[in-house]
Amino acid sequence: MESPRPDEALWFTGQLSNSIGRMTIPTPYVSISPSIGSEGISVSVSGVGFTPGDRVTFTYKTGLAKPKKVVICSGVTQSDGTATCQGDIPAGAGAGAAGLHAVLAMSGSSQKRTTSYFTLT
C-alpha cells in the first residue's frame, strides 16, 4: 500500500467544535488573448491566484540572446487575486523567431510565478 502524499493544503482542527477544516492556496495561472498572432499585436494578459495588492509583471520571452525578454505590461492584483493589463507583443527583430514564446507572470513581493504561451506567426 502506498503512503498518502501531501496535498499542498493547510489542514486545521476546531477544538471547540470537534471539526477538521482544509484551506487551499490557489496556484497562479496566466492567460493571454489572443494567444496567437503577429509581431506588434495588442494583447490582454490576465493572471489569477496572486496576492492581493501585489504588482504582477507579464514578460514575453523572445528566444534571442538580446533582449532575452520584454515586459508586455504590469498590473496590481485586485482583492480577488486577479491582475489584468494590456500591452503589445514586441515588433520587428525584437519579437524573436516565429513559433512558441513563453509569457511569464511574476508578482513582486510574493514572488509567485506562472507561465503561458504565445504563438508568433
PDB file of N, CA and C in Angstrom:
ATOM      1  N   MET A   1       0.848  -1.182   0.000  1.00  0.00           N
ATOM      2  CA  MET A   1       0.000   0.000   0.000  1.00  0.00           C
ATOM      3  C   MET A   1       0.887   1.236   0.000  1.00  0.00           C
ATOM      4  N   GLU A   2       0.543   2.186  -0.866  1.00  0.00           N
ATOM      5  CA  GLU A   2       1.319   3.417  -0.996  1.00  0.00           C
ATOM      6  C   GLU A   2       0.960   4.398   0.115  1.00  0.00           C
ATOM      7  N   SER A   3       1.973   5.087   0.638  1.00  0.00           N
ATOM      8  CA  SER A   3       1.740   6.084   1.678  1.00  0.00           C
ATOM      9  C   SER A   3       1.018   7.283   1.095  1.00  0.00           C
ATOM     10  N   PRO A   4       0.133   7.904   1.867  1.00  0.00           N
ATOM     11  CA  PRO A   4      -0.530   9.110   1.370  1.00  0.00           C
ATOM     12  C   PRO A   4       0.485  10.224   1.159  1.00  0.00           C
ATOM     13  N   ARG A   5       0.272  11.015   0.111  1.00  0.00           N
ATOM     14  CA  ARG A   5       1.156  12.137  -0.195  1.00  0.00           C
ATOM     15  C   ARG A   5       0.531  13.446   0.279  1.00  0.00           C
ATOM     16  N   PRO A   6       1.363  14.425   0.586  1.00  0.00           N
ATOM     17  CA  PRO A   6       0.821  15.734   0.955  1.00  0.00           C
ATOM     18  C   PRO A   6      -0.009  16.309  -0.197  1.00  0.00           C
ATOM     19  N   ASP A   7      -1.094  16.983   0.126  1.00  0.00           N
ATOM     20  CA  ASP A   7      -1.950  17.544  -0.914  1.00  0.00           C
ATOM     21  C   ASP A   7      -1.773  19.057  -1.087  1.00  0.00           C
ATOM     22  N   GLU A   8      -0.745  19.624  -0.470  1.00  0.00           N
ATOM     23  CA  GLU A   8      -0.419  21.049  -0.565  1.00  0.00           C
ATOM     24  C   GLU A   8      -1.517  21.945  -0.004  1.00  0.00           C
ATOM     25  N   ALA A   9      -2.314  21.407   0.911  1.00  0.00           N
ATOM     26  CA  ALA A   9      -3.356  22.184   1.579  1.00  0.00           C
ATOM     27  C   ALA A   9      -2.970  22.366   3.041  1.00  0.00           C
ATOM     28  N   LEU A  10      -3.549  23.379   3.658  1.00  0.00           N
ATOM     29  CA  LEU A  10      -3.360  23.606   5.084  1.00  0.00           C
ATOM     30  C   LEU A  10      -4.562  23.005   5.805  1.00  0.00           C
ATOM     31  N   TRP A  11      -4.307  22.030   6.650  1.00  0.00           N
ATOM     32  CA  TRP A  11      -5.360  21.381   7.420  1.00  0.00           C
ATOM     33  C   TRP A  11      -5.347  21.937   8.842  1.00  0.00           C
ATOM     34  N   PHE A  12      -6.530  22.084   9.435  1.00  0.00           N
ATOM     35  CA  PHE A  12      -6.617  22.598  10.800  1.00  0.00           C
ATOM     36  C   PHE A  12      -7.786  21.933  11.514  1.00  0.00           C
ATOM     37  N   THR A  13      -7.759  21.993  12.835  1.00  0.00           N
ATOM     38  CA  THR A  13      -8.836  21.421  13.641  1.00  0.00           C
ATOM     39  C   THR A  13      -9.490  22.505  14.471  1.00  0.00           C
ATOM     40  N   GLY A  14     -10.765  22.328  14.712  1.00  0.00           N
ATOM     41  CA  GLY A  14     -11.510  23.213  15.594  1.00  0.00           C
ATOM     42  C   GLY A  14     -11.703  22.505  16.928  1.00  0.00           C
ATOM     43  N   GLN A  15     -11.024  22.960  17.952  1.00  0.00           N
ATOM     44  CA  GLN A  15     -11.051  22.259  19.237  1.00  0.00           C
ATOM     45  C   GLN A  15     -12.432  22.290  19.890  1.00  0.00           C
ATOM     46  N   LEU A  16     -13.120  23.410  19.802  1.00  0.00           N
ATOM     47  CA  LEU A  16     -14.426  23.520  20.457  1.00  0.00           C
ATOM     48  C   LEU A  16     -15.520  22.810  19.674  1.00  0.00           C
ATOM     49  N   SER A  17     -15.409  22.796  18.353  1.00  0.00           N
ATOM     50  CA  SER A  17     -16.473  22.191  17.547  1.00  0.00           C
ATOM     51  C   SER A  17     -16.153  20.764  17.113  1.00  0.00           C
ATOM     52  N   ASN A  18     -14.974  20.262  17.525  1.00  0.00           N
ATOM     53  CA  ASN A  18     -14.564  18.904  17.170  1.00  0.00           C
ATOM     54  C   ASN A  18     -14.679  18.689  15.650  1.00  0.00           C
ATOM     55  N   SER A  19     -14.041  19.588  14.896  1.00  0.00           N
ATOM     56  CA  SER A  19     -14.132  19.521  13.438  1.00  0.00           C
ATOM     57  C   SER A  19     -12.752  19.658  12.807  1.00  0.00           C
ATOM     58  N   ILE A  20     -12.675  19.293  11.537  1.00  0.00           N
ATOM     59  CA  ILE A  20     -11.451  19.425  10.751  1.00  0.00           C
ATOM     60  C   ILE A  20     -11.767  20.324   9.555  1.00  0.00           C
ATOM     61  N   GLY A  21     -10.825  21.199   9.223  1.00  0.00           N
ATOM     62  CA  GLY A  21     -11.002  22.081   8.067  1.00  0.00           C
ATOM     63  C   GLY A  21      -9.807  21.997   7.140  1.00  0.00           C
ATOM     64  N   ARG A  22     -10.011  22.415   5.918  1.00  0.00           N
ATOM     65  CA  ARG A  22      -8.949  22.380   4.907  1.00  0.00           C
ATOM     66  C   ARG A  22      -8.964  23.699   4.136  1.00  0.00           C
ATOM     67  N   MET A  23      -7.790  24.300   3.995  1.00  0.00           N
ATOM     68  CA  MET A  23      -7.679  25.546   3.262  1.00  0.00           C
ATOM     69  C   MET A  23      -6.634  25.347   2.167  1.00  0.00           C
ATOM     70  N   THR A  24      -6.989  25.654   0.948  1.00  0.00           N
ATOM     71  CA  THR A  24      -6.031  25.519  -0.148  1.00  0.00           C
ATOM     72  C   THR A  24      -5.572  26.890  -0.607  1.00  0.00           C
ATOM     73  N   ILE A  25      -4.357  26.946  -1.073  1.00  0.00           N
ATOM     74  CA  ILE A  25      -3.797  28.185  -1.595  1.00  0.00           C
ATOM     75  C   ILE A  25      -3.819  28.071  -3.115  1.00  0.00           C
ATOM     76  N   PRO A  26      -4.487  29.013  -3.806  1.00  0.00           N
ATOM     77  CA  PRO A  26      -4.611  28.880  -5.249  1.00  0.00           C
ATOM     78  C   PRO A  26      -3.263  28.921  -5.967  1.00  0.00           C
ATOM     79  N   THR A  27      -3.144  28.089  -6.971  1.00  0.00           N
ATOM     80  CA  THR A  27      -1.957  28.078  -7.808  1.00  0.00           C
ATOM     81  C   THR A  27      -2.116  29.176  -8.854  1.00  0.00           C
ATOM     82  N   PRO A  28      -1.128  30.034  -9.016  1.00  0.00           N
ATOM     83  CA  PRO A  28      -1.248  31.101 -10.013  1.00  0.00           C
ATOM     84  C   PRO A  28      -1.432  30.533 -11.423  1.00  0.00           C
ATOM     85  N   TYR A  29      -2.164  31.269 -12.232  1.00  0.00           N
ATOM     86  CA  TYR A  29      -2.441  30.890 -13.610  1.00  0.00           C
ATOM     87  C   TYR A  29      -2.445  32.161 -14.447  1.00  0.00           C
ATOM     88  N   VAL A  30      -1.935  32.095 -15.667  1.00  0.00           N
ATOM     89  CA  VAL A  30      -1.934  33.256 -16.556  1.00  0.00           C
ATOM     90  C   VAL A  30      -2.494  32.854 -17.909  1.00  0.00           C
ATOM     91  N   SER A  31      -3.224  33.789 -18.530  1.00  0.00           N
ATOM     92  CA  SER A  31      -3.713  33.576 -19.892  1.00  0.00           C
ATOM     93  C   SER A  31      -3.443  34.838 -20.704  1.00  0.00           C
ATOM     94  N   ILE A  32      -3.288  34.641 -22.014  1.00  0.00           N
ATOM     95  CA  ILE A  32      -3.028  35.755 -22.921  1.00  0.00           C
ATOM     96  C   ILE A  32      -4.015  35.663 -24.075  1.00  0.00           C
ATOM     97  N   SER A  33      -4.588  36.794 -24.458  1.00  0.00           N
ATOM     98  CA  SER A  33      -5.573  36.810 -25.530  1.00  0.00           C
ATOM     99  C   SER A  33      -5.311  37.982 -26.475  1.00  0.00           C
ATOM    100  N   PRO A  34      -5.189  37.732 -27.763  1.00  0.00           N
ATOM    101  CA  PRO A  34      -5.166  36.416 -28.373  1.00  0.00           C
ATOM    102  C   PRO A  34      -3.865  35.695 -28.037  1.00  0.00           C
ATOM    103  N   SER A  35      -3.855  34.378 -28.184  1.00  0.00           N
ATOM    104  CA  SER A  35      -2.663  33.593 -27.860  1.00  0.00           C
ATOM    105  C   SER A  35      -1.841  33.264 -29.106  1.00  0.00           C
ATOM    106  N   ILE A  36      -2.261  33.791 -30.236  1.00  0.00           N
ATOM    107  CA  ILE A  36      -1.541  33.598 -31.489  1.00  0.00           C
ATOM    108  C   ILE A  36      -1.663  34.886 -32.303  1.00  0.00           C
ATOM    109  N   GLY A  37      -0.573  35.279 -32.964  1.00  0.00           N
ATOM    110  CA  GLY A  37      -0.631  36.495 -33.768  1.00  0.00           C
ATOM    111  C   GLY A  37       0.741  36.927 -34.243  1.00  0.00           C
ATOM    112  N   SER A  38       0.755  38.061 -34.901  1.00  0.00           N
ATOM    113  CA  SER A  38       1.992  38.586 -35.481  1.00  0.00           C
ATOM    114  C   SER A  38       2.683  39.546 -34.521  1.00  0.00           C
ATOM    115  N   GLU A  39       3.907  39.903 -34.853  1.00  0.00           N
ATOM    116  CA  GLU A  39       4.667  40.848 -34.031  1.00  0.00           C
ATOM    117  C   GLU A  39       3.924  42.178 -33.950  1.00  0.00           C
ATOM    118  N   GLY A  40       4.020  42.825 -32.796  1.00  0.00           N
ATOM    119  CA  GLY A  40       3.380  44.121 -32.584  1.00  0.00           C
ATOM    120  C   GLY A  40       1.902  44.064 -32.246  1.00  0.00           C
ATOM    121  N   ILE A  41       1.296  42.887 -32.229  1.00  0.00           N
ATOM    122  CA  ILE A  41      -0.137  42.766 -31.947  1.00  0.00           C
ATOM    123  C   ILE A  41      -0.432  43.152 -30.495  1.00  0.00           C
ATOM    124  N   SER A  42      -1.576  43.789 -30.274  1.00  0.00           N
ATOM    125  CA  SER A  42      -2.018  44.127 -28.916  1.00  0.00           C
ATOM    126  C   SER A  42      -2.624  42.900 -28.265  1.00  0.00           C
ATOM    127  N   VAL A  43      -2.287  42.682 -27.003  1.00  0.00           N
ATOM    128  CA  VAL A  43      -2.795  41.532 -26.260  1.00  0.00           C
ATOM    129  C   VAL A  43      -3.315  41.973 -24.893  1.00  0.00           C
ATOM    130  N   SER A  44      -4.188  41.158 -24.342  1.00  0.00           N
ATOM    131  CA  SER A  44      -4.664  41.328 -22.975  1.00  0.00           C
ATOM    132  C   SER A  44      -4.136  40.141 -22.175  1.00  0.00           C
ATOM    133  N   VAL A  45      -3.514  40.422 -21.043  1.00  0.00           N
ATOM    134  CA  VAL A  45      -2.935  39.371 -20.217  1.00  0.00           C
ATOM    135  C   VAL A  45      -3.631  39.394 -18.860  1.00  0.00           C
ATOM    136  N   SER A  46      -4.024  38.201 -18.393  1.00  0.00           N
ATOM    137  CA  SER A  46      -4.718  38.080 -17.114  1.00  0.00           C
ATOM    138  C   SER A  46      -4.060  37.017 -16.270  1.00  0.00           C
ATOM    139  N   GLY A  47      -3.939  37.291 -14.990  1.00  0.00           N
ATOM    140  CA  GLY A  47      -3.399  36.321 -14.048  1.00  0.00           C
ATOM    141  C   GLY A  47      -4.337  36.168 -12.874  1.00  0.00           C
ATOM    142  N   VAL A  48      -4.424  34.963 -12.340  1.00  0.00           N
ATOM    143  CA  VAL A  48      -5.232  34.701 -11.143  1.00  0.00           C
ATOM    144  C   VAL A  48      -4.377  33.924 -10.136  1.00  0.00           C
ATOM    145  N   GLY A  49      -4.756  34.011  -8.865  1.00  0.00           N
ATOM    146  CA  GLY A  49      -4.052  33.271  -7.822  1.00  0.00           C
ATOM    147  C   GLY A  49      -2.872  34.017  -7.225  1.00  0.00           C
ATOM    148  N   PHE A  50      -2.848  35.342  -7.399  1.00  0.00           N
ATOM    149  CA  PHE A  50      -1.751  36.143  -6.855  1.00  0.00           C
ATOM    150  C   PHE A  50      -2.190  36.830  -5.562  1.00  0.00           C
ATOM    151  N   THR A  51      -1.242  37.331  -4.809  1.00  0.00           N
ATOM    152  CA  THR A  51      -1.519  38.003  -3.545  1.00  0.00           C
ATOM    153  C   THR A  51      -2.142  39.374  -3.804  1.00  0.00           C
ATOM    154  N   PRO A  52      -3.308  39.669  -3.197  1.00  0.00           N
ATOM    155  CA  PRO A  52      -3.950  40.968  -3.406  1.00  0.00           C
ATOM    156  C   PRO A  52      -3.007  42.135  -3.096  1.00  0.00           C
ATOM    157  N   GLY A  53      -3.038  43.153  -3.947  1.00  0.00           N
ATOM    158  CA  GLY A  53      -2.220  44.350  -3.774  1.00  0.00           C
ATOM    159  C   GLY A  53      -0.814  44.221  -4.328  1.00  0.00           C
ATOM    160  N   ASP A  54      -0.437  43.051  -4.766  1.00  0.00           N
ATOM    161  CA  ASP A  54       0.900  42.821  -5.312  1.00  0.00           C
ATOM    162  C   ASP A  54       0.935  43.228  -6.793  1.00  0.00           C
ATOM    163  N   ARG A  55       2.053  43.747  -7.244  1.00  0.00           N
ATOM    164  CA  ARG A  55       2.218  44.083  -8.661  1.00  0.00           C
ATOM    165  C   ARG A  55       2.679  42.850  -9.411  1.00  0.00           C
ATOM    166  N   VAL A  56       1.982  42.530 -10.509  1.00  0.00           N
ATOM    167  CA  VAL A  56       2.341  41.389 -11.343  1.00  0.00           C
ATOM    168  C   VAL A  56       2.865  41.922 -12.670  1.00  0.00           C
ATOM    169  N   THR A  57       4.042  41.455 -13.072  1.00  0.00           N
ATOM    170  CA  THR A  57       4.652  41.860 -14.338  1.00  0.00           C
ATOM    171  C   THR A  57       4.564  40.692 -15.308  1.00  0.00           C
ATOM    172  N   PHE A  58       4.085  40.986 -16.520  1.00  0.00           N
ATOM    173  CA  PHE A  58       3.922  39.989 -17.572  1.00  0.00           C
ATOM    174  C   PHE A  58       5.028  40.205 -18.602  1.00  0.00           C
ATOM    175  N   THR A  59       5.849  39.179 -18.800  1.00  0.00           N
ATOM    176  CA  THR A  59       7.042  39.290 -19.634  1.00  0.00           C
ATOM    177  C   THR A  59       7.011  38.282 -20.773  1.00  0.00           C
ATOM    178  N   TYR A  60       7.375  38.737 -21.962  1.00  0.00           N
ATOM    179  CA  TYR A  60       7.450  37.914 -23.171  1.00  0.00           C
ATOM    180  C   TYR A  60       8.895  37.482 -23.373  1.00  0.00           C
ATOM    181  N   LYS A  61       9.123  36.181 -23.493  1.00  0.00           N
ATOM    182  CA  LYS A  61      10.477  35.670 -23.731  1.00  0.00           C
ATOM    183  C   LYS A  61      10.698  35.573 -25.237  1.00  0.00           C
ATOM    184  N   THR A  62      11.716  36.273 -25.719  1.00  0.00           N
ATOM    185  CA  THR A  62      11.951  36.403 -27.162  1.00  0.00           C
ATOM    186  C   THR A  62      12.647  35.204 -27.785  1.00  0.00           C
ATOM    187  N   GLY A  63      13.418  34.468 -26.993  1.00  0.00           N
ATOM    188  CA  GLY A  63      14.224  33.387 -27.545  1.00  0.00           C
ATOM    189  C   GLY A  63      15.527  33.889 -28.153  1.00  0.00           C
ATOM    190  N   LEU A  64      15.789  35.177 -28.016  1.00  0.00           N
ATOM    191  CA  LEU A  64      17.005  35.787 -28.550  1.00  0.00           C
ATOM    192  C   LEU A  64      18.071  35.893 -27.462  1.00  0.00           C
ATOM    193  N   ALA A  65      19.304  36.096 -27.879  1.00  0.00           N
ATOM    194  CA  ALA A  65      20.380  36.342 -26.922  1.00  0.00           C
ATOM    195  C   ALA A  65      20.195  37.707 -26.268  1.00  0.00           C
ATOM    196  N   LYS A  66      19.683  38.681 -27.059  1.00  0.00           N
ATOM    197  CA  LYS A  66      19.454  40.031 -26.545  1.00  0.00           C
ATOM    198  C   LYS A  66      18.403  40.711 -27.396  1.00  0.00           C
ATOM    199  N   PRO A  67      17.317  41.200 -26.865  1.00  0.00           N
ATOM    200  CA  PRO A  67      16.890  41.039 -25.475  1.00  0.00           C
ATOM    201  C   PRO A  67      16.289  39.654 -25.254  1.00  0.00           C
ATOM    202  N   LYS A  68      16.559  39.085 -24.096  1.00  0.00           N
ATOM    203  CA  LYS A  68      16.029  37.760 -23.780  1.00  0.00           C
ATOM    204  C   LYS A  68      14.535  37.816 -23.477  1.00  0.00           C
ATOM    205  N   LYS A  69      14.125  38.939 -22.881  1.00  0.00           N
ATOM    206  CA  LYS A  69      12.715  39.106 -22.530  1.00  0.00           C
ATOM    207  C   LYS A  69      12.327  40.567 -22.617  1.00  0.00           C
ATOM    208  N   VAL A  70      11.011  40.795 -22.827  1.00  0.00           N
ATOM    209  CA  VAL A  70      10.464  42.139 -22.946  1.00  0.00           C
ATOM    210  C   VAL A  70       9.202  42.203 -22.094  1.00  0.00           C
ATOM    211  N   VAL A  71       9.077  43.235 -21.265  1.00  0.00           N
ATOM    212  CA  VAL A  71       7.873  43.408 -20.452  1.00  0.00           C
ATOM    213  C   VAL A  71       6.726  43.821 -21.366  1.00  0.00           C
ATOM    214  N   ILE A  72       5.632  43.055 -21.306  1.00  0.00           N
ATOM    215  CA  ILE A  72       4.428  43.400 -22.072  1.00  0.00           C
ATOM    216  C   ILE A  72       3.646  44.470 -21.321  1.00  0.00           C
ATOM    217  N   CYS A  73       3.416  44.236 -20.020  1.00  0.00           N
ATOM    218  CA  CYS A  73       2.661  45.179 -19.193  1.00  0.00           C
ATOM    219  C   CYS A  73       2.730  44.699 -17.744  1.00  0.00           C
ATOM    220  N   SER A  74       2.178  45.480 -16.835  1.00  0.00           N
ATOM    221  CA  SER A  74       2.088  45.064 -15.430  1.00  0.00           C
ATOM    222  C   SER A  74       0.818  45.647 -14.836  1.00  0.00           C
ATOM    223  N   GLY A  75       0.341  45.020 -13.774  1.00  0.00           N
ATOM    224  CA  GLY A  75      -0.866  45.487 -13.108  1.00  0.00           C
ATOM    225  C   GLY A  75      -0.859  45.096 -11.649  1.00  0.00           C
ATOM    226  N   VAL A  76      -1.662  45.779 -10.863  1.00  0.00           N
ATOM    227  CA  VAL A  76      -1.771  45.497  -9.432  1.00  0.00           C
ATOM    228  C   VAL A  76      -2.903  44.497  -9.224  1.00  0.00           C
ATOM    229  N   THR A  77      -2.630  43.487  -8.403  1.00  0.00           N
ATOM    230  CA  THR A  77      -3.598  42.429  -8.133  1.00  0.00           C
ATOM    231  C   THR A  77      -4.765  42.972  -7.311  1.00  0.00           C
ATOM    232  N   GLN A  78      -5.968  42.622  -7.736  1.00  0.00           N
ATOM    233  CA  GLN A  78      -7.192  43.021  -7.044  1.00  0.00           C
ATOM    234  C   GLN A  78      -7.402  42.153  -5.796  1.00  0.00           C
ATOM    235  N   SER A  79      -8.426  42.459  -5.008  1.00  0.00           N
ATOM    236  CA  SER A  79      -8.690  41.726  -3.769  1.00  0.00           C
ATOM    237  C   SER A  79      -9.005  40.250  -4.010  1.00  0.00           C
ATOM    238  N   ASP A  80      -9.451  39.901  -5.227  1.00  0.00           N
ATOM    239  CA  ASP A  80      -9.762  38.504  -5.540  1.00  0.00           C
ATOM    240  C   ASP A  80      -8.570  37.740  -6.116  1.00  0.00           C
ATOM    241  N   GLY A  81      -7.382  38.366  -6.140  1.00  0.00           N
ATOM    242  CA  GLY A  81      -6.175  37.698  -6.616  1.00  0.00           C
ATOM    243  C   GLY A  81      -5.944  37.768  -8.111  1.00  0.00           C
ATOM    244  N   THR A  82      -6.734  38.599  -8.817  1.00  0.00           N
ATOM    245  CA  THR A  82      -6.577  38.717 -10.264  1.00  0.00           C
ATOM    246  C   THR A  82      -5.830  39.992 -10.644  1.00  0.00           C
ATOM    247  N   ALA A  83      -5.074  39.905 -11.734  1.00  0.00           N
ATOM    248  CA  ALA A  83      -4.383  41.069 -12.291  1.00  0.00           C
ATOM    249  C   ALA A  83      -4.539  41.010 -13.804  1.00  0.00           C
ATOM    250  N   THR A  84      -4.880  42.133 -14.411  1.00  0.00           N
ATOM    251  CA  THR A  84      -5.083  42.200 -15.850  1.00  0.00           C
ATOM    252  C   THR A  84      -4.441  43.461 -16.390  1.00  0.00           C
ATOM    253  N   CYS A  85      -3.848  43.365 -17.582  1.00  0.00           N
ATOM    254  CA  CYS A  85      -3.324  44.554 -18.246  1.00  0.00           C
ATOM    255  C   CYS A  85      -3.248  44.298 -19.753  1.00  0.00           C
ATOM    256  N   GLN A  86      -3.017  45.372 -20.503  1.00  0.00           N
ATOM    257  CA  GLN A  86      -2.908  45.280 -21.947  1.00  0.00           C
ATOM    258  C   GLN A  86      -1.549  45.791 -22.380  1.00  0.00           C
ATOM    259  N   GLY A  87      -1.049  45.217 -23.456  1.00  0.00           N
ATOM    260  CA  GLY A  87       0.229  45.648 -23.999  1.00  0.00           C
ATOM    261  C   GLY A  87       0.408  45.079 -25.389  1.00  0.00           C
ATOM    262  N   ASP A  88       1.608  45.174 -25.906  1.00  0.00           N
ATOM    263  CA  ASP A  88       1.899  44.716 -27.262  1.00  0.00           C
ATOM    264  C   ASP A  88       3.017  43.683 -27.250  1.00  0.00           C
ATOM    265  N   ILE A  89       2.881  42.692 -28.121  1.00  0.00           N
ATOM    266  CA  ILE A  89       3.978  41.768 -28.386  1.00  0.00           C
ATOM    267  C   ILE A  89       5.053  42.602 -29.083  1.00  0.00           C
ATOM    268  N   PRO A  90       6.328  42.392 -28.790  1.00  0.00           N
ATOM    269  CA  PRO A  90       7.371  43.193 -29.443  1.00  0.00           C
ATOM    270  C   PRO A  90       7.263  43.126 -30.969  1.00  0.00           C
ATOM    271  N   ALA A  91       7.702  44.196 -31.605  1.00  0.00           N
ATOM    272  CA  ALA A  91       7.671  44.273 -33.070  1.00  0.00           C
ATOM    273  C   ALA A  91       9.090  44.139 -33.624  1.00  0.00           C
ATOM    274  N   GLY A  92       9.180  43.788 -34.895  1.00  0.00           N
ATOM    275  CA  GLY A  92      10.465  43.717 -35.572  1.00  0.00           C
ATOM    276  C   GLY A  92      11.313  42.553 -35.089  1.00  0.00           C
ATOM    277  N   ALA A  93      12.609  42.699 -35.233  1.00  0.00           N
ATOM    278  CA  ALA A  93      13.554  41.633 -34.872  1.00  0.00           C
ATOM    279  C   ALA A  93      13.482  41.298 -33.385  1.00  0.00           C
ATOM    280  N   GLY A  94      13.064  42.251 -32.548  1.00  0.00           N
ATOM    281  CA  GLY A  94      12.971  42.041 -31.105  1.00  0.00           C
ATOM    282  C   GLY A  94      11.898  41.060 -30.687  1.00  0.00           C
ATOM    283  N   ALA A  95      11.031  40.648 -31.628  1.00  0.00           N
ATOM    284  CA  ALA A  95       9.977  39.686 -31.308  1.00  0.00           C
ATOM    285  C   ALA A  95      10.503  38.262 -31.271  1.00  0.00           C
ATOM    286  N   GLY A  96      11.652  38.036 -31.911  1.00  0.00           N
ATOM    287  CA  GLY A  96      12.182  36.685 -31.992  1.00  0.00           C
ATOM    288  C   GLY A  96      11.619  35.950 -33.191  1.00  0.00           C
ATOM    289  N   ALA A  97      11.957  34.684 -33.305  1.00  0.00           N
ATOM    290  CA  ALA A  97      11.538  33.861 -34.436  1.00  0.00           C
ATOM    291  C   ALA A  97      10.073  33.452 -34.297  1.00  0.00           C
ATOM    292  N   ALA A  98       9.453  33.124 -35.409  1.00  0.00           N
ATOM    293  CA  ALA A  98       8.088  32.603 -35.393  1.00  0.00           C
ATOM    294  C   ALA A  98       8.064  31.316 -34.569  1.00  0.00           C
ATOM    295  N   GLY A  99       6.973  31.103 -33.876  1.00  0.00           N
ATOM    296  CA  GLY A  99       6.826  29.901 -33.061  1.00  0.00           C
ATOM    297  C   GLY A  99       6.345  30.227 -31.663  1.00  0.00           C
ATOM    298  N   LEU A 100       6.515  29.285 -30.761  1.00  0.00           N
ATOM    299  CA  LEU A 100       6.017  29.383 -29.397  1.00  0.00           C
ATOM    300  C   LEU A 100       6.957  30.209 -28.515  1.00  0.00           C
ATOM    301  N   HIS A 101       6.376  31.178 -27.781  1.00  0.00           N
ATOM    302  CA  HIS A 101       7.140  32.026 -26.864  1.00  0.00           C
ATOM    303  C   HIS A 101       6.464  32.012 -25.494  1.00  0.00           C
ATOM    304  N   ALA A 102       7.258  31.843 -24.442  1.00  0.00           N
ATOM    305  CA  ALA A 102       6.731  31.849 -23.079  1.00  0.00           C
ATOM    306  C   ALA A 102       6.337  33.267 -22.676  1.00  0.00           C
ATOM    307  N   VAL A 103       5.230  33.368 -21.945  1.00  0.00           N
ATOM    308  CA  VAL A 103       4.801  34.621 -21.325  1.00  0.00           C
ATOM    309  C   VAL A 103       4.762  34.348 -19.826  1.00  0.00           C
ATOM    310  N   LEU A 104       5.651  34.992 -19.092  1.00  0.00           N
ATOM    311  CA  LEU A 104       5.815  34.769 -17.666  1.00  0.00           C
ATOM    312  C   LEU A 104       5.074  35.844 -16.876  1.00  0.00           C
ATOM    313  N   ALA A 105       4.317  35.416 -15.876  1.00  0.00           N
ATOM    314  CA  ALA A 105       3.681  36.334 -14.933  1.00  0.00           C
ATOM    315  C   ALA A 105       4.398  36.165 -13.605  1.00  0.00           C
ATOM    316  N   MET A 106       4.904  37.268 -13.049  1.00  0.00           N
ATOM    317  CA  MET A 106       5.615  37.189 -11.774  1.00  0.00           C
ATOM    318  C   MET A 106       5.194  38.345 -10.877  1.00  0.00           C
ATOM    319  N   SER A 107       4.857  37.991  -9.640  1.00  0.00           N
ATOM    320  CA  SER A 107       4.463  39.022  -8.681  1.00  0.00           C
ATOM    321  C   SER A 107       5.692  39.572  -7.988  1.00  0.00           C
ATOM    322  N   GLY A 108       5.587  40.797  -7.538  1.00  0.00           N
ATOM    323  CA  GLY A 108       6.725  41.474  -6.930  1.00  0.00           C
ATOM    324  C   GLY A 108       7.127  40.937  -5.581  1.00  0.00           C
ATOM    325  N   SER A 109       6.329  41.183  -4.552  1.00  0.00           N
ATOM    326  CA  SER A 109       6.766  40.839  -3.203  1.00  0.00           C
ATOM    327  C   SER A 109       6.600  39.360  -2.864  1.00  0.00           C
ATOM    328  N   SER A 110       5.558  38.717  -3.368  1.00  0.00           N
ATOM    329  CA  SER A 110       5.342  37.310  -3.010  1.00  0.00           C
ATOM    330  C   SER A 110       6.133  36.355  -3.894  1.00  0.00           C
ATOM    331  N   GLN A 111       6.667  36.846  -5.008  1.00  0.00           N
ATOM    332  CA  GLN A 111       7.477  36.049  -5.929  1.00  0.00           C
ATOM    333  C   GLN A 111       6.733  34.850  -6.515  1.00  0.00           C
ATOM    334  N   LYS A 112       5.394  34.924  -6.568  1.00  0.00           N
ATOM    335  CA  LYS A 112       4.628  33.875  -7.235  1.00  0.00           C
ATOM    336  C   LYS A 112       4.832  34.042  -8.736  1.00  0.00           C
ATOM    337  N   ARG A 113       4.909  32.915  -9.456  1.00  0.00           N
ATOM    338  CA  ARG A 113       5.111  32.993 -10.892  1.00  0.00           C
ATOM    339  C   ARG A 113       4.397  31.853 -11.597  1.00  0.00           C
ATOM    340  N   THR A 114       4.052  32.101 -12.856  1.00  0.00           N
ATOM    341  CA  THR A 114       3.444  31.087 -13.699  1.00  0.00           C
ATOM    342  C   THR A 114       3.691  31.470 -15.150  1.00  0.00           C
ATOM    343  N   THR A 115       3.502  30.512 -16.050  1.00  0.00           N
ATOM    344  CA  THR A 115       3.820  30.739 -17.460  1.00  0.00           C
ATOM    345  C   THR A 115       2.680  30.308 -18.361  1.00  0.00           C
ATOM    346  N   SER A 116       2.478  31.065 -19.429  1.00  0.00           N
ATOM    347  CA  SER A 116       1.567  30.696 -20.506  1.00  0.00           C
ATOM    348  C   SER A 116       2.374  30.829 -21.797  1.00  0.00           C
ATOM    349  N   TYR A 117       1.720  30.684 -22.940  1.00  0.00           N
ATOM    350  CA  TYR A 117       2.467  30.726 -24.198  1.00  0.00           C
ATOM    351  C   TYR A 117       1.724  31.532 -25.255  1.00  0.00           C
ATOM    352  N   PHE A 118       2.523  32.208 -26.099  1.00  0.00           N
ATOM    353  CA  PHE A 118       2.027  32.965 -27.233  1.00  0.00           C
ATOM    354  C   PHE A 118       2.700  32.405 -28.479  1.00  0.00           C
ATOM    355  N   THR A 119       1.934  32.160 -29.539  1.00  0.00           N
ATOM    356  CA  THR A 119       2.500  31.662 -30.787  1.00  0.00           C
ATOM    357  C   THR A 119       2.662  32.830 -31.752  1.00  0.00           C
ATOM    358  N   LEU A 120       3.897  33.144 -32.085  1.00  0.00           N
ATOM    359  CA  LEU A 120       4.217  34.223 -33.029  1.00  0.00           C
ATOM    360  C   LEU A 120       4.159  33.659 -34.441  1.00  0.00           C
ATOM    361  N   THR A 121       3.337  34.290 -35.287  1.00  0.00           N
ATOM    362  CA  THR A 121       3.191  33.805 -36.676  1.00  0.00           C
ATOM    363  C   THR A 121       4.062  34.579 -37.637  1.00  0.00           C
TER     364      THR A 121
END
